[in-house]
């Protein structure tokens, strides 16, 4: 599955909160900070920029997929 090129940071954060057991802890400047405890603790900063850069989005998806042991396409499903 291709990485979307018009995805906003807030949209990604909301998706991770709804479907992947993350919760928003706070926002520092233009970064939304998410945290999960499942399967272990992970803190994830997401830039709240208008369309996110592809490299940044790919790096965030890699971190989530490694932590949740899911494929990138599984994580993107439902966006």
PDB file of N, CA and C in Angstrom:
ATOM      1  N   UNK A   1       0.846  -1.178   0.000  1.00  0.00           N
ATOM      2  CA  UNK A   1       0.000   0.000   0.000  1.00  0.00           C
ATOM      3  C   UNK A   1       0.888   1.237   0.000  1.00  0.00           C
ATOM      4  N   UNK A   2       0.548   2.194  -0.839  1.00  0.00           N
ATOM      5  CA  UNK A   2       1.320   3.428  -0.928  1.00  0.00           C
ATOM      6  C   UNK A   2       1.027   4.321   0.270  1.00  0.00           C
ATOM      7  N   UNK A   3       2.015   5.092   0.650  1.00  0.00           N
ATOM      8  CA  UNK A   3       1.868   6.048   1.744  1.00  0.00           C
ATOM      9  C   UNK A   3       1.089   7.249   1.219  1.00  0.00           C
ATOM     10  N   UNK A   4       0.028   7.677   1.910  1.00  0.00           N
ATOM     11  CA  UNK A   4      -0.730   8.841   1.435  1.00  0.00           C
ATOM     12  C   UNK A   4       0.127  10.103   1.452  1.00  0.00           C
ATOM     13  N   UNK A   5      -0.028  10.932   0.451  1.00  0.00           N
ATOM     14  CA  UNK A   5       0.794  12.127   0.318  1.00  0.00           C
ATOM     15  C   UNK A   5       0.121  13.379   0.858  1.00  0.00           C
ATOM     16  N   UNK A   6      -1.121  13.278   1.275  1.00  0.00           N
ATOM     17  CA  UNK A   6      -1.851  14.460   1.738  1.00  0.00           C
ATOM     18  C   UNK A   6      -2.361  14.282   3.168  1.00  0.00           C
ATOM     19  N   UNK A   7      -1.634  13.524   3.975  1.00  0.00           N
ATOM     20  CA  UNK A   7      -2.068  13.203   5.333  1.00  0.00           C
ATOM     21  C   UNK A   7      -1.560  14.249   6.318  1.00  0.00           C
ATOM     22  N   UNK A   8      -2.464  14.761   7.113  1.00  0.00           N
ATOM     23  CA  UNK A   8      -2.112  15.732   8.146  1.00  0.00           C
ATOM     24  C   UNK A   8      -1.735  14.983   9.418  1.00  0.00           C
ATOM     25  N   UNK A   9      -0.888  15.595  10.230  1.00  0.00           N
ATOM     26  CA  UNK A   9      -0.468  14.981  11.483  1.00  0.00           C
ATOM     27  C   UNK A   9      -1.629  14.709  12.418  1.00  0.00           C
ATOM     28  N   UNK A  10      -2.593  15.623  12.488  1.00  0.00           N
ATOM     29  CA  UNK A  10      -3.759  15.446  13.363  1.00  0.00           C
ATOM     30  C   UNK A  10      -4.580  14.237  12.922  1.00  0.00           C
ATOM     31  N   UNK A  11      -4.721  14.032  11.607  1.00  0.00           N
ATOM     32  CA  UNK A  11      -5.466  12.875  11.099  1.00  0.00           C
ATOM     33  C   UNK A  11      -4.786  11.569  11.517  1.00  0.00           C
ATOM     34  N   UNK A  12      -3.467  11.514  11.392  1.00  0.00           N
ATOM     35  CA  UNK A  12      -2.730  10.314  11.782  1.00  0.00           C
ATOM     36  C   UNK A  12      -2.854  10.072  13.281  1.00  0.00           C
ATOM     37  N   UNK A  13      -2.714  11.118  14.074  1.00  0.00           N
ATOM     38  CA  UNK A  13      -2.829  10.982  15.529  1.00  0.00           C
ATOM     39  C   UNK A  13      -4.217  10.466  15.906  1.00  0.00           C
ATOM     40  N   UNK A  14      -5.265  11.034  15.327  1.00  0.00           N
ATOM     41  CA  UNK A  14      -6.629  10.589  15.628  1.00  0.00           C
ATOM     42  C   UNK A  14      -6.833   9.123  15.235  1.00  0.00           C
ATOM     43  N   UNK A  15      -6.267   8.724  14.109  1.00  0.00           N
ATOM     44  CA  UNK A  15      -6.379   7.331  13.664  1.00  0.00           C
ATOM     45  C   UNK A  15      -5.682   6.383  14.647  1.00  0.00           C
ATOM     46  N   UNK A  16      -4.479   6.750  15.090  1.00  0.00           N
ATOM     47  CA  UNK A  16      -3.753   5.903  16.040  1.00  0.00           C
ATOM     48  C   UNK A  16      -4.482   5.837  17.386  1.00  0.00           C
ATOM     49  N   UNK A  17      -5.118   6.902  17.784  1.00  0.00           N
ATOM     50  CA  UNK A  17      -5.879   6.912  19.038  1.00  0.00           C
ATOM     51  C   UNK A  17      -7.097   5.997  18.921  1.00  0.00           C
ATOM     52  N   UNK A  18      -7.826   6.119  17.814  1.00  0.00           N
ATOM     53  CA  UNK A  18      -9.054   5.329  17.633  1.00  0.00           C
ATOM     54  C   UNK A  18      -8.783   3.835  17.486  1.00  0.00           C
ATOM     55  N   UNK A  19      -7.766   3.476  16.706  1.00  0.00           N
ATOM     56  CA  UNK A  19      -7.621   2.064  16.320  1.00  0.00           C
ATOM     57  C   UNK A  19      -6.429   1.323  16.891  1.00  0.00           C
ATOM     58  N   UNK A  20      -5.444   2.026  17.435  1.00  0.00           N
ATOM     59  CA  UNK A  20      -4.217   1.353  17.840  1.00  0.00           C
ATOM     60  C   UNK A  20      -3.842   1.575  19.298  1.00  0.00           C
ATOM     61  N   UNK A  21      -4.790   1.922  20.135  1.00  0.00           N
ATOM     62  CA  UNK A  21      -4.592   2.018  21.595  1.00  0.00           C
ATOM     63  C   UNK A  21      -3.574   3.072  22.030  1.00  0.00           C
ATOM     64  N   UNK A  22      -3.452   4.144  21.268  1.00  0.00           N
ATOM     65  CA  UNK A  22      -2.619   5.268  21.696  1.00  0.00           C
ATOM     66  C   UNK A  22      -3.526   6.280  22.382  1.00  0.00           C
ATOM     67  N   UNK A  23      -2.934   7.119  23.218  1.00  0.00           N
ATOM     68  CA  UNK A  23      -3.678   8.232  23.813  1.00  0.00           C
ATOM     69  C   UNK A  23      -2.803   9.472  23.720  1.00  0.00           C
ATOM     70  N   UNK A  24      -3.473  10.614  23.580  1.00  0.00           N
ATOM     71  CA  UNK A  24      -2.736  11.871  23.478  1.00  0.00           C
ATOM     72  C   UNK A  24      -2.375  12.326  24.881  1.00  0.00           C
ATOM     73  N   UNK A  25      -1.101  12.532  25.142  1.00  0.00           N
ATOM     74  CA  UNK A  25      -0.675  12.974  26.462  1.00  0.00           C
ATOM     75  C   UNK A  25      -0.576  14.492  26.529  1.00  0.00           C
ATOM     76  N   UNK A  26      -0.008  15.098  25.491  1.00  0.00           N
ATOM     77  CA  UNK A  26       0.090  16.553  25.450  1.00  0.00           C
ATOM     78  C   UNK A  26       0.543  17.004  24.072  1.00  0.00           C
ATOM     79  N   UNK A  27       0.603  18.311  23.905  1.00  0.00           N
ATOM     80  CA  UNK A  27       1.125  18.878  22.670  1.00  0.00           C
ATOM     81  C   UNK A  27       2.189  19.900  23.037  1.00  0.00           C
ATOM     82  N   UNK A  28       3.337  19.768  22.432  1.00  0.00           N
ATOM     83  CA  UNK A  28       4.436  20.693  22.659  1.00  0.00           C
ATOM     84  C   UNK A  28       4.727  21.389  21.343  1.00  0.00           C
ATOM     85  N   UNK A  29       4.436  22.664  21.269  1.00  0.00           N
ATOM     86  CA  UNK A  29       4.634  23.395  20.021  1.00  0.00           C
ATOM     87  C   UNK A  29       3.761  22.793  18.941  1.00  0.00           C
ATOM     88  N   UNK A  30       4.383  22.388  17.852  1.00  0.00           N
ATOM     89  CA  UNK A  30       3.612  21.814  16.748  1.00  0.00           C
ATOM     90  C   UNK A  30       3.659  20.289  16.735  1.00  0.00           C
ATOM     91  N   UNK A  31       4.004  19.664  17.869  1.00  0.00           N
ATOM     92  CA  UNK A  31       4.071  18.202  17.929  1.00  0.00           C
ATOM     93  C   UNK A  31       3.052  17.648  18.912  1.00  0.00           C
ATOM     94  N   UNK A  32       2.273  16.696  18.436  1.00  0.00           N
ATOM     95  CA  UNK A  32       1.317  15.976  19.265  1.00  0.00           C
ATOM     96  C   UNK A  32       2.060  14.777  19.828  1.00  0.00           C
ATOM     97  N   UNK A  33       1.999  14.576  21.129  1.00  0.00           N
ATOM     98  CA  UNK A  33       2.717  13.470  21.754  1.00  0.00           C
ATOM     99  C   UNK A  33       1.707  12.403  22.159  1.00  0.00           C
ATOM    100  N   UNK A  34       1.875  11.211  21.580  1.00  0.00           N
ATOM    101  CA  UNK A  34       1.010  10.071  21.873  1.00  0.00           C
ATOM    102  C   UNK A  34       1.786   9.070  22.707  1.00  0.00           C
ATOM    103  N   UNK A  35       1.042   8.267  23.457  1.00  0.00           N
ATOM    104  CA  UNK A  35       1.667   7.232  24.291  1.00  0.00           C
ATOM    105  C   UNK A  35       0.780   5.994  24.280  1.00  0.00           C
ATOM    106  N   UNK A  36       1.405   4.837  24.327  1.00  0.00           N
ATOM    107  CA  UNK A  36       0.693   3.570  24.464  1.00  0.00           C
ATOM    108  C   UNK A  36       1.421   2.712  25.491  1.00  0.00           C
ATOM    109  N   UNK A  37       0.685   1.815  26.088  1.00  0.00           N
ATOM    110  CA  UNK A  37       1.259   0.872  27.054  1.00  0.00           C
ATOM    111  C   UNK A  37       1.174  -0.562  26.530  1.00  0.00           C
ATOM    112  N   UNK A  38       0.583  -0.749  25.341  1.00  0.00           N
ATOM    113  CA  UNK A  38       0.381  -2.081  24.790  1.00  0.00           C
ATOM    114  C   UNK A  38       1.229  -2.276  23.549  1.00  0.00           C
ATOM    115  N   UNK A  39       2.006  -3.256  23.379  1.00  0.00           N
ATOM    116  CA  UNK A  39       2.345  -4.314  24.307  1.00  0.00           C
ATOM    117  C   UNK A  39       3.347  -3.873  25.361  1.00  0.00           C
ATOM    118  N   UNK A  40       4.002  -2.733  25.135  1.00  0.00           N
ATOM    119  CA  UNK A  40       4.890  -2.136  26.132  1.00  0.00           C
ATOM    120  C   UNK A  40       4.797  -0.624  25.949  1.00  0.00           C
ATOM    121  N   UNK A  41       5.484   0.118  26.782  1.00  0.00           N
ATOM    122  CA  UNK A  41       5.393   1.577  26.711  1.00  0.00           C
ATOM    123  C   UNK A  41       6.107   2.122  25.474  1.00  0.00           C
ATOM    124  N   UNK A  42       5.470   3.085  24.833  1.00  0.00           N
ATOM    125  CA  UNK A  42       6.073   3.784  23.703  1.00  0.00           C
ATOM    126  C   UNK A  42       5.514   5.199  23.666  1.00  0.00           C
ATOM    127  N   UNK A  43       6.402   6.159  23.488  1.00  0.00           N
ATOM    128  CA  UNK A  43       6.007   7.548  23.301  1.00  0.00           C
ATOM    129  C   UNK A  43       6.304   7.915  21.862  1.00  0.00           C
ATOM    130  N   UNK A  44       5.348   8.583  21.219  1.00  0.00           N
ATOM    131  CA  UNK A  44       5.450   8.850  19.793  1.00  0.00           C
ATOM    132  C   UNK A  44       5.109  10.307  19.499  1.00  0.00           C
ATOM    133  N   UNK A  45       6.078  11.125  19.112  1.00  0.00           N
ATOM    134  CA  UNK A  45       5.769  12.506  18.715  1.00  0.00           C
ATOM    135  C   UNK A  45       5.336  12.548  17.247  1.00  0.00           C
ATOM    136  N   UNK A  46       4.256  13.268  16.984  1.00  0.00           N
ATOM    137  CA  UNK A  46       3.761  13.406  15.622  1.00  0.00           C
ATOM    138  C   UNK A  46       3.665  14.891  15.302  1.00  0.00           C
ATOM    139  N   UNK A  47       4.325  15.352  14.244  1.00  0.00           N
ATOM    140  CA  UNK A  47       4.229  16.763  13.894  1.00  0.00           C
ATOM    141  C   UNK A  47       2.824  17.086  13.396  1.00  0.00           C
ATOM    142  N   UNK A  48       2.246  18.159  13.902  1.00  0.00           N
ATOM    143  CA  UNK A  48       0.893  18.558  13.516  1.00  0.00           C
ATOM    144  C   UNK A  48       0.946  19.480  12.306  1.00  0.00           C
ATOM    145  N   UNK A  49       1.841  19.189  11.378  1.00  0.00           N
ATOM    146  CA  UNK A  49       2.013  20.023  10.193  1.00  0.00           C
ATOM    147  C   UNK A  49       0.942  19.708   9.175  1.00  0.00           C
ATOM    148  N   UNK A  50       0.735  20.681   8.319  1.00  0.00           N
ATOM    149  CA  UNK A  50      -0.113  20.428   7.163  1.00  0.00           C
ATOM    150  C   UNK A  50       0.652  19.427   6.335  1.00  0.00           C
ATOM    151  N   UNK A  51       0.120  18.885   5.298  1.00  0.00           N
ATOM    152  CA  UNK A  51       0.564  17.547   4.901  1.00  0.00           C
ATOM    153  C   UNK A  51       1.985  17.198   5.360  1.00  0.00           C
ATOM    154  N   UNK A  52       2.050  16.054   6.036  1.00  0.00           N
ATOM    155  CA  UNK A  52       3.327  15.585   6.573  1.00  0.00           C
ATOM    156  C   UNK A  52       4.252  15.199   5.428  1.00  0.00           C
ATOM    157  N   UNK A  53       5.534  15.356   5.650  1.00  0.00           N
ATOM    158  CA  UNK A  53       6.511  14.926   4.655  1.00  0.00           C
ATOM    159  C   UNK A  53       6.529  13.402   4.614  1.00  0.00           C
ATOM    160  N   UNK A  54       6.786  12.880   3.451  1.00  0.00           N
ATOM    161  CA  UNK A  54       6.749  11.434   3.235  1.00  0.00           C
ATOM    162  C   UNK A  54       7.753  10.711   4.125  1.00  0.00           C
ATOM    163  N   UNK A  55       8.964  11.230   4.239  1.00  0.00           N
ATOM    164  CA  UNK A  55       9.985  10.584   5.073  1.00  0.00           C
ATOM    165  C   UNK A  55       9.591  10.545   6.536  1.00  0.00           C
ATOM    166  N   UNK A  56       8.976  11.631   7.019  1.00  0.00           N
ATOM    167  CA  UNK A  56       8.521  11.685   8.415  1.00  0.00           C
ATOM    168  C   UNK A  56       7.403  10.678   8.641  1.00  0.00           C
ATOM    169  N   UNK A  57       6.449  10.652   7.725  1.00  0.00           N
ATOM    170  CA  UNK A  57       5.328   9.716   7.845  1.00  0.00           C
ATOM    171  C   UNK A  57       5.816   8.273   7.798  1.00  0.00           C
ATOM    172  N   UNK A  58       6.747   7.978   6.900  1.00  0.00           N
ATOM    173  CA  UNK A  58       7.291   6.627   6.786  1.00  0.00           C
ATOM    174  C   UNK A  58       8.001   6.214   8.076  1.00  0.00           C
ATOM    175  N   UNK A  59       8.748   7.128   8.672  1.00  0.00           N
ATOM    176  CA  UNK A  59       9.453   6.820   9.921  1.00  0.00           C
ATOM    177  C   UNK A  59       8.470   6.544  11.051  1.00  0.00           C
ATOM    178  N   UNK A  60       7.409   7.335  11.149  1.00  0.00           N
ATOM    179  CA  UNK A  60       6.396   7.119  12.191  1.00  0.00           C
ATOM    180  C   UNK A  60       5.707   5.777  11.985  1.00  0.00           C
ATOM    181  N   UNK A  61       5.348   5.475  10.740  1.00  0.00           N
ATOM    182  CA  UNK A  61       4.696   4.189  10.450  1.00  0.00           C
ATOM    183  C   UNK A  61       5.610   3.021  10.775  1.00  0.00           C
ATOM    184  N   UNK A  62       6.906   3.167  10.524  1.00  0.00           N
ATOM    185  CA  UNK A  62       7.864   2.103  10.846  1.00  0.00           C
ATOM    186  C   UNK A  62       7.914   1.877  12.358  1.00  0.00           C
ATOM    187  N   UNK A  63       7.948   2.959  13.129  1.00  0.00           N
ATOM    188  CA  UNK A  63       7.991   2.825  14.595  1.00  0.00           C
ATOM    189  C   UNK A  63       6.739   2.134  15.117  1.00  0.00           C
ATOM    190  N   UNK A  64       5.579   2.541  14.613  1.00  0.00           N
ATOM    191  CA  UNK A  64       4.324   1.941  15.068  1.00  0.00           C
ATOM    192  C   UNK A  64       4.253   0.478  14.651  1.00  0.00           C
ATOM    193  N   UNK A  65       4.622   0.177  13.418  1.00  0.00           N
ATOM    194  CA  UNK A  65       4.520  -1.207  12.946  1.00  0.00           C
ATOM    195  C   UNK A  65       5.463  -2.139  13.696  1.00  0.00           C
ATOM    196  N   UNK A  66       6.661  -1.674  14.023  1.00  0.00           N
ATOM    197  CA  UNK A  66       7.582  -2.508  14.795  1.00  0.00           C
ATOM    198  C   UNK A  66       7.063  -2.714  16.220  1.00  0.00           C
ATOM    199  N   UNK A  67       6.520  -1.669  16.805  1.00  0.00           N
ATOM    200  CA  UNK A  67       6.046  -1.760  18.179  1.00  0.00           C
ATOM    201  C   UNK A  67       4.791  -2.631  18.296  1.00  0.00           C
ATOM    202  N   UNK A  68       3.868  -2.466  17.364  1.00  0.00           N
ATOM    203  CA  UNK A  68       2.598  -3.204  17.411  1.00  0.00           C
ATOM    204  C   UNK A  68       2.661  -4.530  16.655  1.00  0.00           C
ATOM    205  N   UNK A  69       3.796  -4.796  16.005  1.00  0.00           N
ATOM    206  CA  UNK A  69       3.973  -6.023  15.211  1.00  0.00           C
ATOM    207  C   UNK A  69       2.857  -6.168  14.173  1.00  0.00           C
ATOM    208  N   UNK A  70       2.672  -5.111  13.407  1.00  0.00           N
ATOM    209  CA  UNK A  70       1.663  -5.082  12.351  1.00  0.00           C
ATOM    210  C   UNK A  70       2.312  -4.501  11.104  1.00  0.00           C
ATOM    211  N   UNK A  71       1.762  -4.823   9.965  1.00  0.00           N
ATOM    212  CA  UNK A  71       2.326  -4.284   8.724  1.00  0.00           C
ATOM    213  C   UNK A  71       1.893  -2.832   8.536  1.00  0.00           C
ATOM    214  N   UNK A  72       2.628  -2.148   7.706  1.00  0.00           N
ATOM    215  CA  UNK A  72       2.310  -0.752   7.440  1.00  0.00           C
ATOM    216  C   UNK A  72       0.923  -0.610   6.816  1.00  0.00           C
ATOM    217  N   UNK A  73       0.550  -1.543   5.944  1.00  0.00           N
ATOM    218  CA  UNK A  73      -0.772  -1.475   5.308  1.00  0.00           C
ATOM    219  C   UNK A  73      -1.885  -1.695   6.339  1.00  0.00           C
ATOM    220  N   UNK A  74      -1.640  -2.547   7.348  1.00  0.00           N
ATOM    221  CA  UNK A  74      -2.631  -2.724   8.418  1.00  0.00           C
ATOM    222  C   UNK A  74      -2.839  -1.428   9.194  1.00  0.00           C
ATOM    223  N   UNK A  75      -1.757  -0.719   9.443  1.00  0.00           N
ATOM    224  CA  UNK A  75      -1.843   0.519  10.200  1.00  0.00           C
ATOM    225  C   UNK A  75      -2.567   1.595   9.387  1.00  0.00           C
ATOM    226  N   UNK A  76      -2.309   1.649   8.096  1.00  0.00           N
ATOM    227  CA  UNK A  76      -2.934   2.652   7.248  1.00  0.00           C
ATOM    228  C   UNK A  76      -4.397   2.348   6.924  1.00  0.00           C
ATOM    229  N   UNK A  77      -4.809   1.103   7.087  1.00  0.00           N
ATOM    230  CA  UNK A  77      -6.181   0.720   6.765  1.00  0.00           C
ATOM    231  C   UNK A  77      -7.157   1.539   7.611  1.00  0.00           C
ATOM    232  N   UNK A  78      -8.148   2.116   6.975  1.00  0.00           N
ATOM    233  CA  UNK A  78      -9.164   2.880   7.678  1.00  0.00           C
ATOM    234  C   UNK A  78      -8.878   4.371   7.765  1.00  0.00           C
ATOM    235  N   UNK A  79      -7.788   4.815   7.157  1.00  0.00           N
ATOM    236  CA  UNK A  79      -7.492   6.252   7.154  1.00  0.00           C
ATOM    237  C   UNK A  79      -8.342   6.967   6.134  1.00  0.00           C
TER     238      UNK A  79
END
